[in-house]
Amino acid sequence: MSHILVLGRLPLLSRAELSSMCTEIYYDTKLNLLLAENLKFENPRNLPKSPEQIFLDRLGGTIRMAEVVGEFFSSAELLSAMKQVIDKTETRGAMNLGISGFGVKKDMVNQWLYDLKAKAGTAERKVRIANQKGELLTSGKIFHDKLLKKGTELIVWKNGDSYLLAQTKANQNLRNYELRDRKKEFRDARMGMLPPKLAQILLNLAQPTWDETVIDPFCGSGTVNIEAAITGYKTYGSDINGEFASQAQGNFEQMAEKFRYDPAGGTFKASDILELGWKNMSGVIATEGWLGQNFTHAPDQGLIDKNSQLVMDMWKDIFGKLESSNVRRLAFCLPAWNFGLRKISISQQLFNSIKGSSYKPIHTFGGNFTTFYEREGAYVAREVCVVERV
């Protein structure tokens, strides 16, 4: 069975996150669509959701996913197949129908919609069109209009002379992301809030097994720990700031009630990362890390040099401590400073400094060791890195 995955705005991260969870067949760089098979449908918490929704809920970089119905070489064949899908889709009362055409003109999509409204509608079940002008549906509109509950979305992907038809099975739950972000009882913007989607990506890049512990030694408000627990992992969080560690545990317990995971599955401690007792720790690390000073104005070269040295020294000490641990893999962020028209990165310097250690960087991002995650206008970008024990 094949699926079409609609990726987010950072496809390198999205594809890297998916690499251990499915087999990539084809990726369209212009349309940002990925065709995949062998998806790992796992449900460790026995959640009462569809396999597709559970799979998508684990991902931070994929917007929605659709099950491939077939490949067709004429518009007539495609229209017939779409009608069959609609006839098999169960809804109460009227059915809302949307078609997103990738690589297809809006006029053609609009014609399909109105043809299907006439052919698939009956006296018992009328068909209502969700995207009247044939425009691409957004995940936000699908979510807010409850399209997958009240009807269906069909995705048509035109590639060359053929049309690939798929029926959307899962869409991002925007309300849940808001709960895990803006609705947390403790938030401190001064520390730089880690987006839950990036936390999910880091978690998936760390590739924990179900019996491993996910460790975040810079836990802040507990975002990584919460995402780990929602997915089904045990987790450990620490922070040098005792208030953050305590409040992170409070957030963890708050979200345990909302997302129905075991609040005892997370342990939190106030500690300097270098004093954690790494000899007794095992699992994987997924963390944003410390990104240096939080700037309110554009930093000059002197400030960047000072911060880069502090971050470099910290990570060199961390990798020294990890030699005595059983930490298998790390997914973390380094700061990269936007200075004029260029970025000042320290990743290569760090990788050079750990060449004699047990840890090696992994070509995770399209053959590169790192990629960037940043907000427009930010002075400091996050450079995402993956390192594995060899």
Protein backbone atom coordinates (compact mmCIF):
# COMPACT_ATOMS: atom_id res chain seq x y z
CA MET A 1 0.00 0.00 0.00
CA SER A 2 1.35 3.41 -0.99
CA HIS A 3 0.67 6.81 0.54
CA ILE A 4 1.13 10.41 -0.50
CA LEU A 5 2.60 12.60 2.24
CA VAL A 6 2.16 16.37 2.01
CA LEU A 7 5.29 17.85 3.57
CA GLY A 8 5.72 21.07 5.52
CA ARG A 9 7.83 24.12 4.71
CA LEU A 10 11.18 22.44 5.53
CA PRO A 11 11.30 19.31 3.35
CA LEU A 12 14.86 18.33 4.29
CA LEU A 13 13.78 18.00 7.91
CA SER A 14 10.51 16.32 6.94
CA ARG A 15 12.22 13.69 4.79
CA ALA A 16 14.93 13.04 7.37
CA GLU A 17 12.29 12.56 10.05
CA LEU A 18 10.46 10.04 7.86
CA SER A 19 13.57 8.08 6.88
CA SER A 20 13.19 5.45 9.62
CA MET A 21 9.40 5.31 9.42
CA CYS A 22 8.73 4.49 5.75
CA THR A 23 10.35 3.78 2.40
CA GLU A 24 10.57 6.82 0.15
CA ILE A 25 9.62 6.00 -3.44
CA TYR A 26 9.60 9.42 -5.06
CA TYR A 27 9.79 13.05 -3.95
CA ASP A 28 8.54 15.98 -6.05
CA THR A 29 10.67 19.01 -5.21
CA LYS A 30 8.29 21.50 -6.85
CA LEU A 31 5.08 20.25 -5.26
CA ASN A 32 6.63 19.12 -1.95
CA LEU A 33 4.88 15.75 -2.16
CA LEU A 34 6.40 12.42 -1.18
CA LEU A 35 5.26 9.00 -2.33
CA ALA A 36 6.04 6.33 0.26
CA GLU A 37 5.30 2.74 1.17
CA ASN A 38 6.07 0.35 4.03
CA LEU A 39 4.83 2.86 6.59
CA LYS A 40 5.45 1.71 10.17
CA PHE A 41 2.00 1.81 11.71
CA GLU A 42 2.60 1.41 15.45
CA ASN A 43 0.24 2.07 18.34
CA PRO A 44 2.14 1.49 21.61
CA ARG A 45 -0.49 3.32 23.69
CA ASN A 46 -3.48 1.52 22.09
CA LEU A 47 -5.06 4.82 21.10
CA PRO A 48 -8.58 4.67 19.59
CA LYS A 49 -7.55 6.36 16.34
CA SER A 50 -6.93 5.22 12.79
CA PRO A 51 -3.42 3.90 12.03
CA GLU A 52 -2.92 6.78 9.60
CA GLN A 53 -3.85 9.43 12.18
CA ILE A 54 -1.57 7.90 14.82
CA PHE A 55 1.27 7.81 12.28
CA LEU A 56 0.74 11.45 11.29
CA ASP A 57 0.35 12.61 14.90
CA ARG A 58 3.95 11.50 15.53
CA LEU A 59 5.33 13.73 12.78
CA GLY A 60 6.28 17.38 13.07
CA GLY A 61 7.13 17.95 9.43
CA THR A 62 4.27 16.29 7.53
CA ILE A 63 0.96 18.12 7.11
CA ARG A 64 -1.34 15.33 5.93
CA MET A 65 -1.34 11.91 4.33
CA ALA A 66 -3.50 10.11 1.79
CA GLU A 67 -3.85 6.48 0.75
CA VAL A 68 -3.19 5.88 -2.95
CA VAL A 69 -6.21 4.54 -4.85
CA GLY A 70 -4.52 4.06 -8.22
CA GLU A 71 -2.81 5.57 -11.24
CA PHE A 72 -4.86 6.68 -14.24
CA PHE A 73 -3.98 7.89 -17.71
CA SER A 74 -7.09 9.81 -18.71
CA SER A 75 -9.39 12.30 -17.05
CA ALA A 76 -12.38 10.03 -17.74
CA GLU A 77 -10.79 7.06 -15.94
CA LEU A 78 -9.82 9.32 -13.07
CA LEU A 79 -13.34 10.75 -12.74
CA SER A 80 -14.81 7.25 -12.67
CA ALA A 81 -12.37 6.19 -9.93
CA MET A 82 -13.15 9.30 -7.89
CA LYS A 83 -16.88 8.53 -8.04
CA GLN A 84 -16.22 4.99 -6.78
CA VAL A 85 -14.25 6.35 -3.82
CA ILE A 86 -17.05 8.79 -2.99
CA ASP A 87 -19.70 6.08 -3.22
CA LYS A 88 -17.75 3.95 -0.71
CA THR A 89 -17.17 6.83 1.74
CA GLU A 90 -19.66 6.71 4.60
CA THR A 91 -21.07 9.99 5.94
CA ARG A 92 -24.14 11.05 7.85
CA GLY A 93 -26.37 13.23 5.75
CA ALA A 94 -24.79 15.52 3.17
CA MET A 95 -21.22 14.86 2.12
CA ASN A 96 -18.59 17.57 1.90
CA LEU A 97 -16.14 16.97 -0.95
CA GLY A 98 -12.81 18.61 -1.65
CA ILE A 99 -10.25 17.87 -4.36
CA SER A 100 -6.70 19.17 -4.18
CA GLY A 101 -5.01 19.01 -7.56
CA PHE A 102 -1.22 19.11 -7.49
CA GLY A 103 0.23 19.87 -10.90
CA VAL A 104 -3.33 20.35 -12.20
CA LYS A 105 -5.00 23.60 -13.24
CA LYS A 106 -7.75 24.90 -10.96
CA ASP A 107 -10.26 24.99 -13.81
CA MET A 108 -9.89 21.22 -14.31
CA VAL A 109 -10.29 20.55 -10.58
CA ASN A 110 -13.36 22.76 -10.52
CA GLN A 111 -14.87 20.78 -13.41
CA TRP A 112 -14.23 17.48 -11.61
CA LEU A 113 -15.92 18.82 -8.49
CA TYR A 114 -19.07 19.82 -10.27
CA ASP A 115 -19.18 16.65 -12.36
CA LEU A 116 -18.90 14.57 -9.18
CA LYS A 117 -21.51 16.66 -7.42
CA ALA A 118 -23.92 15.78 -10.21
CA LYS A 119 -22.92 12.11 -10.60
CA ALA A 120 -22.30 11.09 -6.98
CA GLY A 121 -25.08 13.07 -5.35
CA THR A 122 -28.40 11.36 -4.63
CA ALA A 123 -31.71 12.34 -3.10
CA GLU A 124 -30.56 10.70 0.15
CA ARG A 125 -27.07 12.20 0.16
CA LYS A 126 -26.22 15.49 -1.44
CA VAL A 127 -22.61 16.41 -2.27
CA ARG A 128 -21.37 19.80 -1.14
CA ILE A 129 -18.16 21.27 -2.53
CA ALA A 130 -15.55 22.36 0.02
CA ASN A 131 -13.27 24.32 -2.36
CA GLN A 132 -15.61 26.10 -4.72
CA LYS A 133 -12.90 27.55 -6.99
CA GLY A 134 -10.80 24.40 -7.27
CA GLU A 135 -7.98 25.83 -5.17
CA LEU A 136 -5.67 23.62 -3.08
CA LEU A 137 -7.14 22.86 0.31
CA THR A 138 -5.01 23.79 3.29
CA SER A 139 -4.66 21.57 6.32
CA GLY A 140 -6.06 24.44 8.37
CA LYS A 141 -9.26 24.53 6.33
CA ILE A 142 -9.58 20.73 6.40
CA PHE A 143 -9.21 20.79 10.19
CA HIS A 144 -11.49 23.74 10.96
CA ASP A 145 -14.20 22.57 8.54
CA LYS A 146 -13.94 18.99 9.91
CA LEU A 147 -13.81 17.82 6.31
CA LEU A 148 -12.60 14.30 7.09
CA LYS A 149 -15.47 13.80 9.55
CA LYS A 150 -18.17 15.28 7.33
CA GLY A 151 -16.85 14.09 4.00
CA THR A 152 -13.54 13.51 2.27
CA GLU A 153 -10.65 15.09 0.40
CA LEU A 154 -9.24 13.52 -2.74
CA ILE A 155 -5.70 14.33 -3.81
CA VAL A 156 -4.81 14.23 -7.51
CA TRP A 157 -1.10 14.37 -8.30
CA LYS A 158 -0.35 14.83 -11.99
CA ASN A 159 3.11 13.66 -12.96
CA GLY A 160 3.86 13.48 -16.66
CA ASP A 161 0.98 11.78 -18.49
CA SER A 162 -0.54 10.06 -15.46
CA TYR A 163 -2.73 11.01 -12.54
CA LEU A 164 -2.16 9.51 -9.11
CA LEU A 165 -5.37 9.48 -7.07
CA ALA A 166 -5.37 9.25 -3.29
CA GLN A 167 -7.91 9.69 -0.49
CA THR A 168 -6.83 11.72 2.52
CA LYS A 169 -6.82 9.62 5.68
CA ALA A 170 -5.17 11.93 8.24
CA ASN A 171 -4.66 15.65 8.77
CA GLN A 172 -2.71 17.63 11.38
CA ASN A 173 -4.68 18.33 14.55
CA LEU A 174 -4.04 22.03 15.01
CA ARG A 175 -5.96 22.22 18.27
CA ASN A 176 -3.65 19.68 19.91
CA TYR A 177 -0.59 21.66 18.85
CA GLU A 178 -2.07 24.78 20.42
CA LEU A 179 -2.74 22.90 23.65
CA ARG A 180 0.86 21.69 23.82
CA ASP A 181 2.28 25.11 23.02
CA ARG A 182 0.28 28.18 24.03
CA LYS A 183 -1.87 26.42 26.63
CA LYS A 184 0.95 25.09 28.79
CA GLU A 185 0.71 26.44 32.32
CA PHE A 186 4.39 27.43 32.32
CA ARG A 187 5.92 29.27 29.38
CA ASP A 188 8.89 31.61 29.43
CA ALA A 189 9.56 33.41 26.15
CA ARG A 190 12.95 34.57 27.44
CA MET A 191 14.35 31.06 27.13
CA GLY A 192 13.21 30.75 23.50
CA MET A 193 10.19 28.50 23.14
CA LEU A 194 10.80 25.19 21.38
CA PRO A 195 7.93 24.54 18.92
CA PRO A 196 6.23 21.16 19.53
CA LYS A 197 6.66 20.29 15.84
CA LEU A 198 10.43 20.73 16.06
CA ALA A 199 10.43 18.70 19.28
CA GLN A 200 8.69 15.88 17.38
CA ILE A 201 11.24 16.10 14.58
CA LEU A 202 14.15 15.92 17.04
CA LEU A 203 12.50 12.95 18.74
CA ASN A 204 12.12 11.08 15.45
CA LEU A 205 15.66 11.95 14.35
CA ALA A 206 16.93 10.45 17.62
CA GLN A 207 15.16 7.19 16.59
CA PRO A 208 14.53 5.72 20.06
CA THR A 209 13.38 2.15 20.38
CA TRP A 210 10.27 1.56 22.48
CA ASP A 211 12.29 0.32 25.45
CA GLU A 212 14.73 3.26 25.44
CA THR A 213 14.47 6.47 27.47
CA VAL A 214 14.31 9.84 25.71
CA ILE A 215 16.60 12.27 27.54
CA ASP A 216 16.44 16.07 27.33
CA PRO A 217 19.17 17.59 29.51
CA PHE A 218 18.02 21.12 28.54
CA CYS A 219 14.35 20.46 29.18
CA GLY A 220 13.17 24.07 29.66
CA SER A 221 9.36 23.85 29.82
CA GLY A 222 9.38 20.11 29.06
CA THR A 223 8.33 20.22 25.40
CA VAL A 224 10.47 17.27 24.23
CA ASN A 225 9.45 15.22 27.27
CA ILE A 226 5.76 15.84 26.60
CA GLU A 227 6.08 14.84 22.93
CA ALA A 228 7.99 11.70 23.93
CA ALA A 229 5.29 10.68 26.41
CA ILE A 230 2.45 11.39 23.95
CA THR A 231 4.17 9.08 21.45
CA GLY A 232 4.67 6.35 24.05
CA TYR A 233 8.24 6.68 25.38
CA LYS A 234 9.59 7.00 28.89
CA THR A 235 11.46 10.25 29.30
CA TYR A 236 13.94 12.07 31.51
CA GLY A 237 14.35 15.83 31.70
CA SER A 238 16.81 18.04 33.50
CA ASP A 239 17.67 21.72 33.52
CA ILE A 240 20.30 23.79 35.29
CA ASN A 241 17.51 26.19 36.27
CA GLY A 242 15.67 24.57 39.18
CA GLU A 243 12.49 26.53 38.51
CA PHE A 244 12.40 25.32 34.90
CA ALA A 245 12.85 21.68 35.95
CA SER A 246 10.04 21.99 38.49
CA GLN A 247 7.71 23.79 36.10
CA ALA A 248 8.52 21.30 33.33
CA GLN A 249 7.27 18.52 35.58
CA GLY A 250 4.12 20.55 36.20
CA ASN A 251 3.59 20.96 32.45
CA PHE A 252 4.22 17.24 31.97
CA GLU A 253 1.53 16.34 34.50
CA GLN A 254 -0.88 18.92 33.03
CA MET A 255 -0.51 17.42 29.53
CA ALA A 256 -0.72 13.87 30.91
CA GLU A 257 -4.29 14.65 31.91
CA LYS A 258 -5.14 16.15 28.52
CA PHE A 259 -3.44 13.50 26.36
CA ARG A 260 -3.97 10.54 28.71
CA TYR A 261 -0.44 9.31 29.09
CA ASP A 262 1.11 8.06 32.34
CA PRO A 263 2.39 11.04 34.40
CA ALA A 264 4.84 8.66 36.08
CA GLY A 265 6.52 8.09 32.70
CA GLY A 266 8.59 11.26 33.07
CA THR A 267 11.34 12.05 35.56
CA PHE A 268 12.67 15.58 36.10
CA LYS A 269 15.69 16.90 37.93
CA ALA A 270 17.43 20.23 38.48
CA SER A 271 21.04 19.67 37.45
CA ASP A 272 23.93 20.96 35.41
CA ILE A 273 24.24 18.71 32.36
CA LEU A 274 27.84 17.84 33.25
CA GLU A 275 26.80 16.54 36.68
CA LEU A 276 23.99 14.21 35.63
CA GLY A 277 25.83 10.97 36.34
CA TRP A 278 26.09 9.83 32.75
CA LYS A 279 27.66 6.49 33.72
CA ASN A 280 24.20 5.31 34.77
CA MET A 281 22.26 6.77 31.84
CA SER A 282 21.22 5.12 28.61
CA GLY A 283 18.88 5.77 25.71
CA VAL A 284 18.84 8.66 23.25
CA ILE A 285 19.08 12.43 23.59
CA ALA A 286 16.60 14.70 21.84
CA THR A 287 17.11 18.32 22.82
CA GLU A 288 17.16 21.86 21.56
CA GLY A 289 20.25 22.52 23.65
CA TRP A 290 21.52 25.92 24.72
CA LEU A 291 21.62 28.43 21.87
CA GLY A 292 23.64 31.06 23.65
CA GLN A 293 22.49 34.55 24.50
CA ASN A 294 18.92 35.49 23.53
CA PHE A 295 19.46 38.68 21.52
CA THR A 296 16.97 41.57 21.36
CA HIS A 297 19.02 43.27 18.62
CA ALA A 298 21.37 42.16 15.86
CA PRO A 299 24.61 40.88 17.44
CA ASP A 300 27.99 42.16 16.35
CA GLN A 301 30.98 39.95 15.55
CA GLY A 302 32.34 40.23 19.08
CA LEU A 303 29.11 38.96 20.68
CA ILE A 304 28.88 36.12 18.18
CA ASP A 305 32.48 35.08 18.84
CA LYS A 306 31.87 35.11 22.59
CA ASN A 307 28.71 33.03 22.36
CA SER A 308 30.13 30.57 19.84
CA GLN A 309 33.07 29.85 22.15
CA LEU A 310 30.79 29.30 25.14
CA VAL A 311 28.54 26.89 23.21
CA MET A 312 31.52 25.06 21.70
CA ASP A 313 33.20 24.57 25.07
CA MET A 314 29.95 23.31 26.58
CA TRP A 315 29.35 20.69 23.87
CA LYS A 316 32.96 19.48 23.93
CA ASP A 317 32.58 18.90 27.68
CA ILE A 318 29.24 17.15 27.13
CA PHE A 319 30.69 14.71 24.60
CA GLY A 320 33.52 14.03 27.02
CA LYS A 321 30.98 13.04 29.66
CA LEU A 322 28.93 10.96 27.22
CA GLU A 323 31.87 8.61 26.64
CA SER A 324 31.04 6.95 29.97
CA SER A 325 27.31 6.67 29.17
CA ASN A 326 25.15 4.31 27.15
CA VAL A 327 23.61 7.11 25.11
CA ARG A 328 23.30 5.71 21.59
CA ARG A 329 22.19 8.67 19.48
CA LEU A 330 21.71 12.44 19.77
CA ALA A 331 19.48 14.84 17.83
CA PHE A 332 20.16 18.39 18.94
CA CYS A 333 20.42 22.00 17.81
CA LEU A 334 23.41 24.29 17.61
CA PRO A 335 23.07 28.07 17.22
CA ALA A 336 23.86 29.62 13.84
CA TRP A 337 23.97 33.39 13.85
CA ASN A 338 22.58 35.47 11.00
CA PHE A 339 25.27 38.06 10.35
CA GLY A 340 24.70 40.26 7.33
CA LEU A 341 23.98 38.02 4.35
CA ARG A 342 25.65 34.92 5.82
CA LYS A 343 25.30 32.46 8.68
CA ILE A 344 28.03 31.87 11.21
CA SER A 345 27.91 28.16 12.07
CA ILE A 346 29.97 26.18 14.57
CA SER A 347 28.82 22.69 13.57
CA GLN A 348 31.88 21.73 11.55
CA GLN A 349 34.15 23.00 14.31
CA LEU A 350 32.29 20.83 16.82
CA PHE A 351 32.38 17.77 14.57
CA ASN A 352 36.14 18.21 14.13
CA SER A 353 36.56 18.42 17.89
CA ILE A 354 34.86 15.02 18.51
CA LYS A 355 36.70 13.07 15.80
CA GLY A 356 38.57 11.10 18.42
CA SER A 357 35.42 10.21 20.37
CA SER A 358 32.91 7.39 20.00
CA TYR A 359 30.37 9.72 18.36
CA LYS A 360 30.16 10.54 14.67
CA PRO A 361 27.85 12.93 12.79
CA ILE A 362 25.38 11.29 10.41
CA HIS A 363 24.62 12.39 6.83
CA THR A 364 20.94 12.84 7.66
CA PHE A 365 19.80 15.75 5.52
CA GLY A 366 20.11 15.01 1.83
CA GLY A 367 23.75 14.02 2.18
CA ASN A 368 24.54 16.86 4.59
CA PHE A 369 25.32 16.64 8.29
CA THR A 370 23.03 19.53 9.27
CA THR A 371 20.12 21.70 8.18
CA PHE A 372 18.49 24.85 9.55
CA TYR A 373 15.23 25.59 11.32
CA GLU A 374 14.52 29.28 11.82
CA ARG A 375 11.89 31.98 12.00
CA GLU A 376 11.96 34.84 9.53
CA GLY A 377 13.86 37.80 10.97
CA ALA A 378 15.44 35.82 13.82
CA TYR A 379 19.01 36.69 14.80
CA VAL A 380 19.82 33.09 15.77
CA ALA A 381 18.83 30.04 13.72
CA ARG A 382 18.72 26.46 14.99
CA GLU A 383 21.15 24.17 13.16
CA VAL A 384 19.81 20.63 13.54
CA CYS A 385 22.44 17.90 13.97
CA VAL A 386 22.35 14.11 14.41
CA VAL A 387 25.25 12.24 16.00
CA GLU A 388 25.45 8.51 16.61
CA ARG A 389 27.71 6.28 18.68
CA VAL A 390 29.81 4.10 16.41
